């Protein structure tokens, strides 16, 4: 009986040691950022015979991390498709139609990335899933980072996708439109808690 109690005590002590060792990793502080929307933007550009570019006025974005290592970042962008603003009501109406963004049936354009690949001292690639018109395909945002390691920073990057791969096969009468669409994402934010982000020195 004494040996059994001793064995149980040893097991409990070992379990307590394991739990104690795990606590620092469970409570480790991580960088927490807030996106400053009024200083950020999501824009698009399409090469066409007439100017066809603009912004999306309503969207949300978040960038979260599980450690100070920037490669642990997760990026989510959710755009309200009907907030497209090209500066022309006629163009906006066409872009909102079922031939293009189809905002009635597919109100959101989204991008979700769970991977950050550092490609240079201040550049990263974020491969992820881009969804528009209810069609999802892998796409990559390429970002340049400024302000890393400080209390505020900015990531600015682009993504180019083929509109026809997402079902936007129609054109606009009397306007020649290229197949590729350039998306520019500029996110400014500030760290509200946790340690600074760490980039590898490349």
Protein backbone atom coordinates (compact mmCIF):
# COMPACT_ATOMS: atom_id res chain seq x y z
CA UNK A 1 0.00 0.00 0.00
CA UNK A 2 2.86 2.33 0.86
CA UNK A 3 4.47 1.68 -2.54
CA UNK A 4 1.17 2.39 -4.33
CA UNK A 5 0.74 5.69 -2.49
CA UNK A 6 4.31 6.66 -3.26
CA UNK A 7 3.81 5.83 -6.94
CA UNK A 8 0.60 7.89 -7.08
CA UNK A 9 2.34 10.82 -5.36
CA UNK A 10 5.15 10.67 -7.90
CA UNK A 11 2.63 10.64 -10.74
CA UNK A 12 0.83 13.68 -9.30
CA UNK A 13 4.11 15.51 -8.84
CA UNK A 14 5.11 14.76 -12.42
CA UNK A 15 1.71 15.90 -13.70
CA UNK A 16 2.02 19.13 -11.73
CA UNK A 17 5.48 19.71 -13.14
CA UNK A 18 4.23 19.22 -16.69
CA UNK A 19 1.33 21.63 -16.14
CA UNK A 20 3.66 24.21 -14.59
CA UNK A 21 6.03 23.90 -17.54
CA UNK A 22 3.18 24.40 -20.00
CA UNK A 23 1.82 27.55 -18.35
CA UNK A 24 4.38 30.00 -19.81
CA UNK A 25 3.60 28.85 -23.35
CA UNK A 26 -0.12 29.09 -22.71
CA UNK A 27 0.12 32.59 -21.26
CA UNK A 28 2.85 33.91 -23.56
CA UNK A 29 2.04 37.40 -24.75
CA UNK A 30 1.45 37.86 -28.45
CA UNK A 31 1.33 41.05 -30.53
CA UNK A 32 -2.20 42.43 -30.85
CA UNK A 33 -2.87 44.94 -33.62
CA UNK A 34 -5.82 47.17 -34.46
CA UNK A 35 -6.32 48.25 -38.07
CA UNK A 36 -6.82 52.01 -38.51
CA UNK A 37 -9.55 51.95 -41.14
CA UNK A 38 -9.64 55.66 -41.93
CA UNK A 39 -5.97 55.46 -42.93
CA UNK A 40 -6.28 52.16 -44.80
CA UNK A 41 -7.78 51.23 -48.16
CA UNK A 42 -8.71 48.47 -50.58
CA UNK A 43 -8.44 49.57 -54.21
CA UNK A 44 -8.76 47.96 -57.63
CA UNK A 45 -7.58 48.75 -61.14
CA UNK A 46 -8.55 47.22 -64.48
CA UNK A 47 -6.71 48.11 -67.66
CA UNK A 48 -9.42 49.30 -70.03
CA UNK A 49 -10.07 51.67 -72.92
CA UNK A 50 -11.60 54.05 -70.36
CA UNK A 51 -10.53 54.56 -66.74
CA UNK A 52 -11.80 51.71 -64.60
CA UNK A 53 -10.49 51.82 -61.08
CA UNK A 54 -11.74 52.72 -57.65
CA UNK A 55 -12.10 51.65 -54.05
CA UNK A 56 -14.35 49.64 -51.76
CA UNK A 57 -15.81 51.89 -49.09
CA UNK A 58 -16.96 49.20 -46.65
CA UNK A 59 -14.69 46.40 -45.47
CA UNK A 60 -13.16 44.81 -42.39
CA UNK A 61 -9.66 43.40 -41.91
CA UNK A 62 -7.76 41.73 -39.10
CA UNK A 63 -4.20 40.51 -38.65
CA UNK A 64 -3.58 38.15 -35.73
CA UNK A 65 -0.49 36.33 -34.45
CA UNK A 66 0.21 33.35 -32.20
CA UNK A 67 3.73 34.57 -31.36
CA UNK A 68 6.01 37.56 -32.09
CA UNK A 69 7.26 35.69 -35.17
CA UNK A 70 5.66 37.39 -38.19
CA UNK A 71 5.33 34.04 -40.01
CA UNK A 72 2.57 33.05 -37.54
CA UNK A 73 0.27 35.75 -38.90
CA UNK A 74 -3.31 35.16 -40.03
CA UNK A 75 -4.93 37.73 -42.34
CA UNK A 76 -8.66 38.11 -42.94
CA UNK A 77 -10.25 40.67 -45.27
CA UNK A 78 -14.02 40.91 -45.79
CA UNK A 79 -15.29 43.42 -48.35
CA UNK A 80 -18.89 44.47 -48.97
CA UNK A 81 -19.08 44.13 -52.75
CA UNK A 82 -21.87 46.69 -53.15
CA UNK A 83 -19.61 49.37 -51.63
CA UNK A 84 -17.60 49.55 -54.88
CA UNK A 85 -16.88 53.15 -55.79
CA UNK A 86 -15.39 53.94 -59.19
CA UNK A 87 -16.55 57.56 -59.19
CA UNK A 88 -19.22 56.75 -61.79
CA UNK A 89 -22.72 55.58 -60.95
CA UNK A 90 -23.04 53.91 -64.35
CA UNK A 91 -19.80 51.95 -63.92
CA UNK A 92 -20.68 51.03 -60.34
CA UNK A 93 -24.04 49.69 -61.48
CA UNK A 94 -22.35 47.50 -64.07
CA UNK A 95 -19.75 46.24 -61.59
CA UNK A 96 -22.50 45.34 -59.09
CA UNK A 97 -24.48 43.39 -61.71
CA UNK A 98 -24.57 39.61 -62.08
CA UNK A 99 -22.05 39.83 -64.95
CA UNK A 100 -19.40 41.12 -62.55
CA UNK A 101 -19.52 41.19 -58.73
CA UNK A 102 -23.10 39.85 -58.53
CA UNK A 103 -23.62 41.67 -55.24
CA UNK A 104 -27.22 40.54 -54.81
CA UNK A 105 -26.37 36.86 -54.55
CA UNK A 106 -22.75 37.14 -53.36
CA UNK A 107 -22.51 40.21 -51.14
CA UNK A 108 -18.97 39.62 -49.83
CA UNK A 109 -15.49 39.44 -51.32
CA UNK A 110 -13.06 37.76 -48.95
CA UNK A 111 -9.41 36.83 -48.56
CA UNK A 112 -8.15 34.44 -45.87
CA UNK A 113 -4.49 33.58 -45.32
CA UNK A 114 -2.95 31.47 -42.56
CA UNK A 115 0.60 31.57 -43.88
CA UNK A 116 3.23 34.31 -44.07
CA UNK A 117 6.38 33.73 -46.10
CA UNK A 118 9.13 36.29 -45.56
CA UNK A 119 10.86 36.96 -48.88
CA UNK A 120 13.14 39.86 -47.91
CA UNK A 121 14.04 42.18 -45.02
CA UNK A 122 10.69 44.00 -45.32
CA UNK A 123 8.69 41.90 -47.78
CA UNK A 124 6.34 38.96 -47.29
CA UNK A 125 3.96 36.85 -49.32
CA UNK A 126 0.61 35.71 -47.94
CA UNK A 127 -0.87 32.85 -49.94
CA UNK A 128 -4.52 32.34 -49.17
CA UNK A 129 -8.05 31.76 -50.43
CA UNK A 130 -9.69 34.54 -52.43
CA UNK A 131 -13.47 34.38 -52.86
CA UNK A 132 -15.56 36.53 -55.20
CA UNK A 133 -18.96 35.78 -56.74
CA UNK A 134 -19.03 32.65 -54.55
CA UNK A 135 -15.99 31.22 -56.34
CA UNK A 136 -12.90 30.45 -54.23
CA UNK A 137 -9.39 30.04 -55.60
CA UNK A 138 -5.84 30.24 -54.23
CA UNK A 139 -4.27 33.67 -54.68
CA UNK A 140 -1.31 35.46 -53.10
CA UNK A 141 -0.96 38.95 -51.67
CA UNK A 142 2.59 40.35 -51.81
CA UNK A 143 3.27 42.93 -49.10
CA UNK A 144 5.94 45.46 -48.21
CA UNK A 145 6.15 46.21 -44.48
CA UNK A 146 7.09 49.50 -42.85
CA UNK A 147 7.36 50.27 -39.15
CA UNK A 148 8.13 46.70 -38.07
CA UNK A 149 9.25 46.52 -34.45
CA UNK A 150 7.59 49.82 -33.53
CA UNK A 151 4.22 50.63 -32.05
CA UNK A 152 2.68 51.31 -35.47
CA UNK A 153 3.17 50.05 -38.98
CA UNK A 154 1.83 49.54 -42.45
CA UNK A 155 1.57 46.70 -44.93
CA UNK A 156 0.96 47.59 -48.54
CA UNK A 157 0.67 45.04 -51.29
CA UNK A 158 -0.99 43.80 -54.43
CA UNK A 159 -2.73 40.80 -55.88
CA UNK A 160 -3.51 40.21 -59.54
CA UNK A 161 -6.26 37.78 -60.56
CA UNK A 162 -7.95 36.74 -63.79
CA UNK A 163 -11.58 37.86 -63.66
CA UNK A 164 -12.69 35.15 -66.10
CA UNK A 165 -11.54 32.44 -63.69
CA UNK A 166 -14.17 33.76 -61.28
CA UNK A 167 -17.01 33.85 -63.80
CA UNK A 168 -16.67 37.48 -64.90
CA UNK A 169 -16.60 36.65 -68.59
CA UNK A 170 -18.71 39.55 -69.87
CA UNK A 171 -17.55 42.96 -70.94
CA UNK A 172 -18.98 46.47 -70.89
CA UNK A 173 -20.52 47.81 -74.12
CA UNK A 174 -18.12 50.01 -76.09
CA UNK A 175 -15.35 49.46 -73.51
CA UNK A 176 -12.40 47.13 -73.93
CA UNK A 177 -11.48 45.47 -70.61
CA UNK A 178 -8.41 43.41 -69.77
CA UNK A 179 -8.84 40.03 -68.09
CA UNK A 180 -6.55 40.79 -65.16
CA UNK A 181 -7.65 42.86 -62.18
CA UNK A 182 -5.13 44.46 -59.82
CA UNK A 183 -6.10 44.73 -56.16
CA UNK A 184 -4.09 47.00 -53.84
CA UNK A 185 -4.43 46.53 -50.09
CA UNK A 186 -2.97 49.13 -47.75
CA UNK A 187 -3.45 48.44 -44.05
CA UNK A 188 -2.18 50.76 -41.35
CA UNK A 189 -2.38 49.69 -37.75
CA UNK A 190 -0.96 50.05 -34.28
CA UNK A 191 0.03 47.54 -31.64
CA UNK A 192 -2.35 47.80 -28.72
CA UNK A 193 -0.74 45.12 -26.56
CA UNK A 194 1.95 42.46 -26.50
CA UNK A 195 5.54 42.45 -27.77
CA UNK A 196 6.82 43.80 -31.06
CA UNK A 197 6.79 41.67 -34.20
CA UNK A 198 10.02 40.00 -35.21
CA UNK A 199 11.20 39.72 -38.82
CA UNK A 200 14.12 37.56 -39.87
CA UNK A 201 17.21 39.47 -40.93
CA UNK A 202 17.58 38.50 -44.59
